[in-house]
């Protein structure tokens, strides 16, 4: 369970590691988190993750734990569950099949952004997601348009997320495409209008990821590999390879 600002926010992958990778928005999530004191720093490209006390401000919203700050450049693509590009109805079903009880793919209860994927090795693939606290339909159209205009002039604004790494692999080898799924999920704390504007215009965004090392289904070895994997060329999974 992901807890933000003292409230349960998202259901996460099951602890066993053989269940399908999951993030699922809970009904308790009804607002975004945009602390007023750091908005000026985040309006442009953040080059130092600790500049202006940004990390301190957002850390106060998160449970006590160990977090690794990582700056990323992302190019988000908005995905609606059940439609084209949906990981849960595509790559995940090819490995785990449909949910045994419901007979449907896993359902995240929110649109989300796909931002990156690459091969880890012949038997593993990394998928990266940015998940908004509230759906893009809740965004202020005027603010989205303002950011789109800024991006069109070359500005690369910064969003902030708490991130969880997962590594999941089904126990059965009977799937169509059996391999380990690495899921790097960034839960958006600040930057909802920026992400939608970037997805609409095809522009990049800087993302300050606070990687929660004590959460998720990945260990120290996987944590250590993530920065290098994130610098690899983007590549889609080829079935069975």
C-alpha atoms as a PDB file:
ATOM      1  CA  UNK A   1       0.000   0.000   0.000  1.00  0.00           C
ATOM      2  CA  UNK A   2       1.368   3.424  -0.953  1.00  0.00           C
ATOM      3  CA  UNK A   3       0.683   6.067   1.689  1.00  0.00           C
ATOM      4  CA  UNK A   4       0.975   9.769   0.824  1.00  0.00           C
ATOM      5  CA  UNK A   5       0.381  12.630   3.255  1.00  0.00           C
ATOM      6  CA  UNK A   6      -0.930  10.120   5.818  1.00  0.00           C
ATOM      7  CA  UNK A   7      -3.592   8.617   3.528  1.00  0.00           C
ATOM      8  CA  UNK A   8      -3.632   5.273   1.637  1.00  0.00           C
ATOM      9  CA  UNK A   9      -3.273   6.216  -2.031  1.00  0.00           C
ATOM     10  CA  UNK A  10      -2.557   3.139  -4.173  1.00  0.00           C
ATOM     11  CA  UNK A  11      -2.704  -0.617  -3.873  1.00  0.00           C
ATOM     12  CA  UNK A  12       0.627  -2.081  -4.984  1.00  0.00           C
ATOM     13  CA  UNK A  13       1.894  -5.449  -6.216  1.00  0.00           C
ATOM     14  CA  UNK A  14       1.366  -8.490  -3.979  1.00  0.00           C
ATOM     15  CA  UNK A  15       4.239  -9.385  -1.674  1.00  0.00           C
ATOM     16  CA  UNK A  16       4.894 -12.838  -3.165  1.00  0.00           C
ATOM     17  CA  UNK A  17       6.629 -11.622  -6.327  1.00  0.00           C
ATOM     18  CA  UNK A  18       4.862 -14.187  -8.524  1.00  0.00           C
ATOM     19  CA  UNK A  19       1.592 -12.237  -8.725  1.00  0.00           C
ATOM     20  CA  UNK A  20       1.116  -9.791 -11.581  1.00  0.00           C
ATOM     21  CA  UNK A  21       2.664  -6.329 -11.195  1.00  0.00           C
ATOM     22  CA  UNK A  22       0.068  -3.789 -10.066  1.00  0.00           C
ATOM     23  CA  UNK A  23      -0.706  -0.219  -9.148  1.00  0.00           C
ATOM     24  CA  UNK A  24      -4.356   0.580  -8.465  1.00  0.00           C
ATOM     25  CA  UNK A  25      -5.724   3.958  -7.399  1.00  0.00           C
ATOM     26  CA  UNK A  26      -7.873   4.000  -4.244  1.00  0.00           C
ATOM     27  CA  UNK A  27     -10.975   6.108  -3.670  1.00  0.00           C
ATOM     28  CA  UNK A  28      -9.192   8.015  -0.895  1.00  0.00           C
ATOM     29  CA  UNK A  29      -7.046   9.863  -3.486  1.00  0.00           C
ATOM     30  CA  UNK A  30      -8.952  13.037  -4.330  1.00  0.00           C
ATOM     31  CA  UNK A  31      -6.313  15.772  -4.652  1.00  0.00           C
ATOM     32  CA  UNK A  32      -2.821  16.567  -5.862  1.00  0.00           C
ATOM     33  CA  UNK A  33       0.090  17.735  -3.708  1.00  0.00           C
ATOM     34  CA  UNK A  34       1.688  20.999  -4.857  1.00  0.00           C
ATOM     35  CA  UNK A  35       3.481  22.786  -1.986  1.00  0.00           C
ATOM     36  CA  UNK A  36       3.493  26.516  -2.641  1.00  0.00           C
ATOM     37  CA  UNK A  37       7.066  27.122  -1.474  1.00  0.00           C
ATOM     38  CA  UNK A  38       8.793  25.280  -4.326  1.00  0.00           C
ATOM     39  CA  UNK A  39       6.689  26.095  -7.375  1.00  0.00           C
ATOM     40  CA  UNK A  40       9.168  28.665  -8.707  1.00  0.00           C
ATOM     41  CA  UNK A  41      12.028  26.139  -8.677  1.00  0.00           C
ATOM     42  CA  UNK A  42       9.875  23.508 -10.396  1.00  0.00           C
ATOM     43  CA  UNK A  43       8.619  25.825 -13.130  1.00  0.00           C
ATOM     44  CA  UNK A  44      11.912  25.265 -14.969  1.00  0.00           C
ATOM     45  CA  UNK A  45      14.540  22.529 -15.231  1.00  0.00           C
ATOM     46  CA  UNK A  46      15.774  21.380 -11.829  1.00  0.00           C
ATOM     47  CA  UNK A  47      19.467  20.510 -12.143  1.00  0.00           C
ATOM     48  CA  UNK A  48      20.185  19.981  -8.439  1.00  0.00           C
ATOM     49  CA  UNK A  49      17.641  17.732  -6.679  1.00  0.00           C
ATOM     50  CA  UNK A  50      18.298  19.448  -3.346  1.00  0.00           C
ATOM     51  CA  UNK A  51      18.068  23.011  -4.649  1.00  0.00           C
ATOM     52  CA  UNK A  52      15.843  25.283  -2.617  1.00  0.00           C
ATOM     53  CA  UNK A  53      14.904  22.547  -0.166  1.00  0.00           C
ATOM     54  CA  UNK A  54      12.691  20.748  -2.704  1.00  0.00           C
ATOM     55  CA  UNK A  55      13.498  17.306  -1.314  1.00  0.00           C
ATOM     56  CA  UNK A  56      12.790  18.384   2.266  1.00  0.00           C
ATOM     57  CA  UNK A  57       9.401  19.796   1.280  1.00  0.00           C
ATOM     58  CA  UNK A  58       8.229  16.617  -0.449  1.00  0.00           C
ATOM     59  CA  UNK A  59       9.839  14.224   2.041  1.00  0.00           C
ATOM     60  CA  UNK A  60       7.540  15.674   4.688  1.00  0.00           C
ATOM     61  CA  UNK A  61       4.584  14.223   2.756  1.00  0.00           C
ATOM     62  CA  UNK A  62       5.999  10.681   2.746  1.00  0.00           C
ATOM     63  CA  UNK A  63       6.334   7.974   5.419  1.00  0.00           C
ATOM     64  CA  UNK A  64       9.697   7.761   7.177  1.00  0.00           C
ATOM     65  CA  UNK A  65      12.117   5.649   5.159  1.00  0.00           C
ATOM     66  CA  UNK A  66      15.099   5.652   2.819  1.00  0.00           C
ATOM     67  CA  UNK A  67      14.633   7.527  -0.454  1.00  0.00           C
ATOM     68  CA  UNK A  68      17.109   7.911  -3.299  1.00  0.00           C
ATOM     69  CA  UNK A  69      16.642  11.135  -5.324  1.00  0.00           C
ATOM     70  CA  UNK A  70      17.070  10.611  -9.069  1.00  0.00           C
ATOM     71  CA  UNK A  71      16.651  13.184 -11.839  1.00  0.00           C
ATOM     72  CA  UNK A  72      15.199  11.817 -15.084  1.00  0.00           C
ATOM     73  CA  UNK A  73      14.178  13.215 -18.449  1.00  0.00           C
ATOM     74  CA  UNK A  74      10.892  11.709 -19.597  1.00  0.00           C
ATOM     75  CA  UNK A  75       8.640  11.959 -22.632  1.00  0.00           C
ATOM     76  CA  UNK A  76       5.205  10.855 -21.387  1.00  0.00           C
ATOM     77  CA  UNK A  77       2.530   9.103 -23.443  1.00  0.00           C
ATOM     78  CA  UNK A  78      -0.959   9.023 -21.929  1.00  0.00           C
ATOM     79  CA  UNK A  79      -2.577   5.575 -21.777  1.00  0.00           C
ATOM     80  CA  UNK A  80      -6.189   4.744 -20.906  1.00  0.00           C
ATOM     81  CA  UNK A  81      -6.768   1.271 -19.392  1.00  0.00           C
ATOM     82  CA  UNK A  82      -8.229  -1.142 -21.914  1.00  0.00           C
ATOM     83  CA  UNK A  83      -7.153   0.935 -24.909  1.00  0.00           C
ATOM     84  CA  UNK A  84      -4.121   0.977 -27.196  1.00  0.00           C
ATOM     85  CA  UNK A  85      -0.790   0.823 -25.388  1.00  0.00           C
ATOM     86  CA  UNK A  86      -2.232  -0.435 -22.092  1.00  0.00           C
ATOM     87  CA  UNK A  87       0.456  -2.496 -20.345  1.00  0.00           C
ATOM     88  CA  UNK A  88      -2.101  -4.381 -18.237  1.00  0.00           C
ATOM     89  CA  UNK A  89      -4.093  -5.533 -21.251  1.00  0.00           C
ATOM     90  CA  UNK A  90      -1.015  -6.172 -23.401  1.00  0.00           C
ATOM     91  CA  UNK A  91       2.392  -7.198 -22.088  1.00  0.00           C
ATOM     92  CA  UNK A  92       1.078  -8.327 -18.713  1.00  0.00           C
ATOM     93  CA  UNK A  93      -1.643 -10.570 -20.150  1.00  0.00           C
ATOM     94  CA  UNK A  94       0.935 -12.195 -22.440  1.00  0.00           C
ATOM     95  CA  UNK A  95       2.859 -13.271 -19.329  1.00  0.00           C
ATOM     96  CA  UNK A  96       0.236 -13.833 -16.602  1.00  0.00           C
ATOM     97  CA  UNK A  97      -2.962 -14.245 -18.598  1.00  0.00           C
ATOM     98  CA  UNK A  98      -6.271 -12.808 -17.422  1.00  0.00           C
ATOM     99  CA  UNK A  99      -7.158 -12.522 -13.748  1.00  0.00           C
ATOM    100  CA  UNK A 100      -8.268 -15.986 -12.568  1.00  0.00           C
ATOM    101  CA  UNK A 101     -11.279 -14.694 -10.629  1.00  0.00           C
ATOM    102  CA  UNK A 102     -12.554 -11.769 -12.718  1.00  0.00           C
ATOM    103  CA  UNK A 103     -11.524 -13.003 -16.158  1.00  0.00           C
ATOM    104  CA  UNK A 104     -10.230  -9.526 -17.029  1.00  0.00           C
ATOM    105  CA  UNK A 105      -6.787  -7.890 -17.078  1.00  0.00           C
ATOM    106  CA  UNK A 106      -5.603  -6.102 -13.937  1.00  0.00           C
ATOM    107  CA  UNK A 107      -7.251  -2.681 -13.703  1.00  0.00           C
ATOM    108  CA  UNK A 108      -5.381   0.358 -12.309  1.00  0.00           C
ATOM    109  CA  UNK A 109      -8.469   2.573 -11.887  1.00  0.00           C
ATOM    110  CA  UNK A 110      -6.680   5.516 -13.500  1.00  0.00           C
ATOM    111  CA  UNK A 111      -5.201   6.638 -16.790  1.00  0.00           C
ATOM    112  CA  UNK A 112      -1.398   6.684 -16.599  1.00  0.00           C
ATOM    113  CA  UNK A 113       1.666   7.644 -18.595  1.00  0.00           C
ATOM    114  CA  UNK A 114       4.154   5.292 -20.194  1.00  0.00           C
ATOM    115  CA  UNK A 115       7.576   6.912 -20.344  1.00  0.00           C
ATOM    116  CA  UNK A 116      10.293   4.321 -20.999  1.00  0.00           C
ATOM    117  CA  UNK A 117      11.064   0.649 -21.481  1.00  0.00           C
ATOM    118  CA  UNK A 118      14.166  -1.359 -22.245  1.00  0.00           C
ATOM    119  CA  UNK A 119      15.544  -4.883 -22.044  1.00  0.00           C
ATOM    120  CA  UNK A 120      17.244  -5.825 -18.782  1.00  0.00           C
ATOM    121  CA  UNK A 121      18.536  -9.079 -20.290  1.00  0.00           C
ATOM    122  CA  UNK A 122      17.138 -11.941 -22.372  1.00  0.00           C
ATOM    123  CA  UNK A 123      14.757 -12.967 -19.560  1.00  0.00           C
ATOM    124  CA  UNK A 124      13.747  -9.576 -18.114  1.00  0.00           C
ATOM    125  CA  UNK A 125      12.333  -6.262 -19.334  1.00  0.00           C
ATOM    126  CA  UNK A 126      11.978  -2.875 -17.601  1.00  0.00           C
ATOM    127  CA  UNK A 127       8.748  -0.880 -17.896  1.00  0.00           C
ATOM    128  CA  UNK A 128       8.439   2.659 -16.531  1.00  0.00           C
ATOM    129  CA  UNK A 129       5.195   4.423 -15.659  1.00  0.00           C
ATOM    130  CA  UNK A 130       4.137   7.798 -14.255  1.00  0.00           C
ATOM    131  CA  UNK A 131       0.857   7.572 -12.366  1.00  0.00           C
ATOM    132  CA  UNK A 132      -1.168  10.705 -11.506  1.00  0.00           C
ATOM    133  CA  UNK A 133      -2.881  11.100  -8.162  1.00  0.00           C
ATOM    134  CA  UNK A 134      -6.028  12.243  -9.974  1.00  0.00           C
ATOM    135  CA  UNK A 135      -7.033  11.614 -13.615  1.00  0.00           C
ATOM    136  CA  UNK A 136      -6.073  14.169 -16.278  1.00  0.00           C
ATOM    137  CA  UNK A 137      -9.767  14.995 -16.770  1.00  0.00           C
ATOM    138  CA  UNK A 138      -9.563  16.762 -13.377  1.00  0.00           C
ATOM    139  CA  UNK A 139      -6.809  19.093 -14.575  1.00  0.00           C
ATOM    140  CA  UNK A 140      -7.378  22.818 -15.114  1.00  0.00           C
ATOM    141  CA  UNK A 141      -7.446  23.287 -18.898  1.00  0.00           C
ATOM    142  CA  UNK A 142      -6.018  26.800 -18.625  1.00  0.00           C
ATOM    143  CA  UNK A 143      -2.950  25.627 -16.704  1.00  0.00           C
ATOM    144  CA  UNK A 144      -2.365  22.750 -19.126  1.00  0.00           C
ATOM    145  CA  UNK A 145      -2.442  25.220 -22.018  1.00  0.00           C
ATOM    146  CA  UNK A 146      -0.047  27.564 -20.199  1.00  0.00           C
ATOM    147  CA  UNK A 147       2.498  24.789 -19.737  1.00  0.00           C
ATOM    148  CA  UNK A 148       2.074  23.678 -23.333  1.00  0.00           C
ATOM    149  CA  UNK A 149       2.892  27.218 -24.452  1.00  0.00           C
ATOM    150  CA  UNK A 150       5.963  27.365 -22.181  1.00  0.00           C
ATOM    151  CA  UNK A 151       7.194  24.021 -23.484  1.00  0.00           C
ATOM    152  CA  UNK A 152       6.713  25.227 -27.019  1.00  0.00           C
ATOM    153  CA  UNK A 153       9.215  28.003 -26.212  1.00  0.00           C
ATOM    154  CA  UNK A 154      11.779  25.461 -24.989  1.00  0.00           C
ATOM    155  CA  UNK A 155      11.076  25.367 -21.249  1.00  0.00           C
ATOM    156  CA  UNK A 156      11.513  21.935 -19.617  1.00  0.00           C
ATOM    157  CA  UNK A 157       9.636  22.092 -16.281  1.00  0.00           C
ATOM    158  CA  UNK A 158      10.104  19.688 -13.395  1.00  0.00           C
ATOM    159  CA  UNK A 159       7.620  17.265 -11.846  1.00  0.00           C
ATOM    160  CA  UNK A 160       8.101  15.356  -8.576  1.00  0.00           C
ATOM    161  CA  UNK A 161       7.154  11.758  -7.773  1.00  0.00           C
ATOM    162  CA  UNK A 162       7.643   9.054  -5.170  1.00  0.00           C
ATOM    163  CA  UNK A 163       8.745   5.904  -6.961  1.00  0.00           C
ATOM    164  CA  UNK A 164       8.601   2.182  -6.279  1.00  0.00           C
ATOM    165  CA  UNK A 165      10.615  -0.540  -8.040  1.00  0.00           C
ATOM    166  CA  UNK A 166       9.125  -4.009  -8.517  1.00  0.00           C
ATOM    167  CA  UNK A 167      10.392  -7.241 -10.046  1.00  0.00           C
ATOM    168  CA  UNK A 168       7.677  -9.833 -10.715  1.00  0.00           C
ATOM    169  CA  UNK A 169       7.725 -13.221 -12.441  1.00  0.00           C
ATOM    170  CA  UNK A 170       4.906 -15.797 -12.654  1.00  0.00           C
ATOM    171  CA  UNK A 171       5.401 -19.145 -10.952  1.00  0.00           C
ATOM    172  CA  UNK A 172       3.970 -21.002 -13.959  1.00  0.00           C
ATOM    173  CA  UNK A 173       5.937 -21.348 -17.186  1.00  0.00           C
ATOM    174  CA  UNK A 174       2.772 -21.825 -19.272  1.00  0.00           C
ATOM    175  CA  UNK A 175       2.428 -18.193 -20.347  1.00  0.00           C
ATOM    176  CA  UNK A 176       2.665 -17.002 -23.929  1.00  0.00           C
ATOM    177  CA  UNK A 177       5.735 -14.912 -23.105  1.00  0.00           C
ATOM    178  CA  UNK A 178       7.415 -15.831 -19.805  1.00  0.00           C
ATOM    179  CA  UNK A 179       9.967 -13.373 -18.394  1.00  0.00           C
ATOM    180  CA  UNK A 180      10.597 -11.125 -15.385  1.00  0.00           C
ATOM    181  CA  UNK A 181       8.782  -7.792 -15.440  1.00  0.00           C
ATOM    182  CA  UNK A 182      10.658  -4.909 -13.850  1.00  0.00           C
ATOM    183  CA  UNK A 183       8.196  -2.140 -13.055  1.00  0.00           C
ATOM    184  CA  UNK A 184       9.454   1.339 -12.130  1.00  0.00           C
ATOM    185  CA  UNK A 185       6.402   3.327 -11.085  1.00  0.00           C
ATOM    186  CA  UNK A 186       6.525   7.064 -10.378  1.00  0.00           C
ATOM    187  CA  UNK A 187       3.501   8.242  -8.381  1.00  0.00           C
ATOM    188  CA  UNK A 188       3.097  11.900  -9.215  1.00  0.00           C
ATOM    189  CA  UNK A 189       3.169  14.296  -6.258  1.00  0.00           C
ATOM    190  CA  UNK A 190       3.485  17.531  -8.232  1.00  0.00           C
ATOM    191  CA  UNK A 191       3.294  18.214 -11.958  1.00  0.00           C
ATOM    192  CA  UNK A 192      -0.058  16.901 -13.161  1.00  0.00           C
ATOM    193  CA  UNK A 193      -0.628  19.790 -15.579  1.00  0.00           C
ATOM    194  CA  UNK A 194       2.979  19.572 -16.813  1.00  0.00           C
ATOM    195  CA  UNK A 195       2.681  15.862 -17.623  1.00  0.00           C
ATOM    196  CA  UNK A 196      -0.537  16.312 -19.569  1.00  0.00           C
ATOM    197  CA  UNK A 197       0.903  19.259 -21.475  1.00  0.00           C
ATOM    198  CA  UNK A 198       4.031  17.257 -22.306  1.00  0.00           C
ATOM    199  CA  UNK A 199       1.998  14.264 -23.492  1.00  0.00           C
ATOM    200  CA  UNK A 200      -0.204  16.523 -25.627  1.00  0.00           C
ATOM    201  CA  UNK A 201       2.664  18.419 -27.259  1.00  0.00           C
ATOM    202  CA  UNK A 202       5.263  15.637 -27.414  1.00  0.00           C
ATOM    203  CA  UNK A 203       7.661  17.643 -25.230  1.00  0.00           C
ATOM    204  CA  UNK A 204       9.976  16.358 -22.460  1.00  0.00           C
ATOM    205  CA  UNK A 205       9.693  16.949 -18.709  1.00  0.00           C
ATOM    206  CA  UNK A 206      12.312  16.697 -15.973  1.00  0.00           C
ATOM    207  CA  UNK A 207      11.206  14.293 -13.221  1.00  0.00           C
ATOM    208  CA  UNK A 208      12.593  14.321  -9.690  1.00  0.00           C
ATOM    209  CA  UNK A 209      12.029  10.757  -8.537  1.00  0.00           C
ATOM    210  CA  UNK A 210      12.217   9.963  -4.825  1.00  0.00           C
ATOM    211  CA  UNK A 211      12.917   6.245  -5.125  1.00  0.00           C
ATOM    212  CA  UNK A 212      11.536   4.426  -2.058  1.00  0.00           C
ATOM    213  CA  UNK A 213      14.213   1.826  -1.338  1.00  0.00           C
ATOM    214  CA  UNK A 214      12.169   0.165   1.408  1.00  0.00           C
ATOM    215  CA  UNK A 215       9.085  -0.326  -0.753  1.00  0.00           C
ATOM    216  CA  UNK A 216       8.329  -2.521  -3.723  1.00  0.00           C
ATOM    217  CA  UNK A 217       9.491  -5.969  -4.757  1.00  0.00           C
ATOM    218  CA  UNK A 218      13.084  -5.196  -5.668  1.00  0.00           C
ATOM    219  CA  UNK A 219      16.255  -5.651  -3.656  1.00  0.00           C
ATOM    220  CA  UNK A 220      19.542  -3.831  -3.358  1.00  0.00           C
ATOM    221  CA  UNK A 221      20.946  -5.471  -6.494  1.00  0.00           C
ATOM    222  CA  UNK A 222      18.025  -4.287  -8.627  1.00  0.00           C
ATOM    223  CA  UNK A 223      18.173  -0.803  -7.060  1.00  0.00           C
ATOM    224  CA  UNK A 224      21.842  -0.554  -8.015  1.00  0.00           C
ATOM    225  CA  UNK A 225      21.117  -1.497 -11.640  1.00  0.00           C
ATOM    226  CA  UNK A 226      18.268   0.952 -12.237  1.00  0.00           C
ATOM    227  CA  UNK A 227      20.345   4.101 -12.962  1.00  0.00           C
ATOM    228  CA  UNK A 228      22.370   2.283 -15.639  1.00  0.00           C
ATOM    229  CA  UNK A 229      19.302   0.606 -17.149  1.00  0.00           C
ATOM    230  CA  UNK A 230      17.608   3.976 -17.355  1.00  0.00           C
ATOM    231  CA  UNK A 231      20.411   5.270 -19.618  1.00  0.00           C
ATOM    232  CA  UNK A 232      20.004   2.465 -22.168  1.00  0.00           C
ATOM    233  CA  UNK A 233      18.304   3.076 -25.520  1.00  0.00           C
ATOM    234  CA  UNK A 234      14.539   2.672 -25.431  1.00  0.00           C
ATOM    235  CA  UNK A 235      13.472  -0.730 -26.783  1.00  0.00           C
ATOM    236  CA  UNK A 236      10.161  -2.578 -26.880  1.00  0.00           C
ATOM    237  CA  UNK A 237       9.809  -6.199 -25.821  1.00  0.00           C
ATOM    238  CA  UNK A 238       9.827  -8.685 -28.681  1.00  0.00           C
ATOM    239  CA  UNK A 239       7.632 -11.662 -27.732  1.00  0.00           C
ATOM    240  CA  UNK A 240       9.621 -14.644 -26.588  1.00  0.00           C
ATOM    241  CA  UNK A 241      12.979 -12.867 -26.655  1.00  0.00           C
END
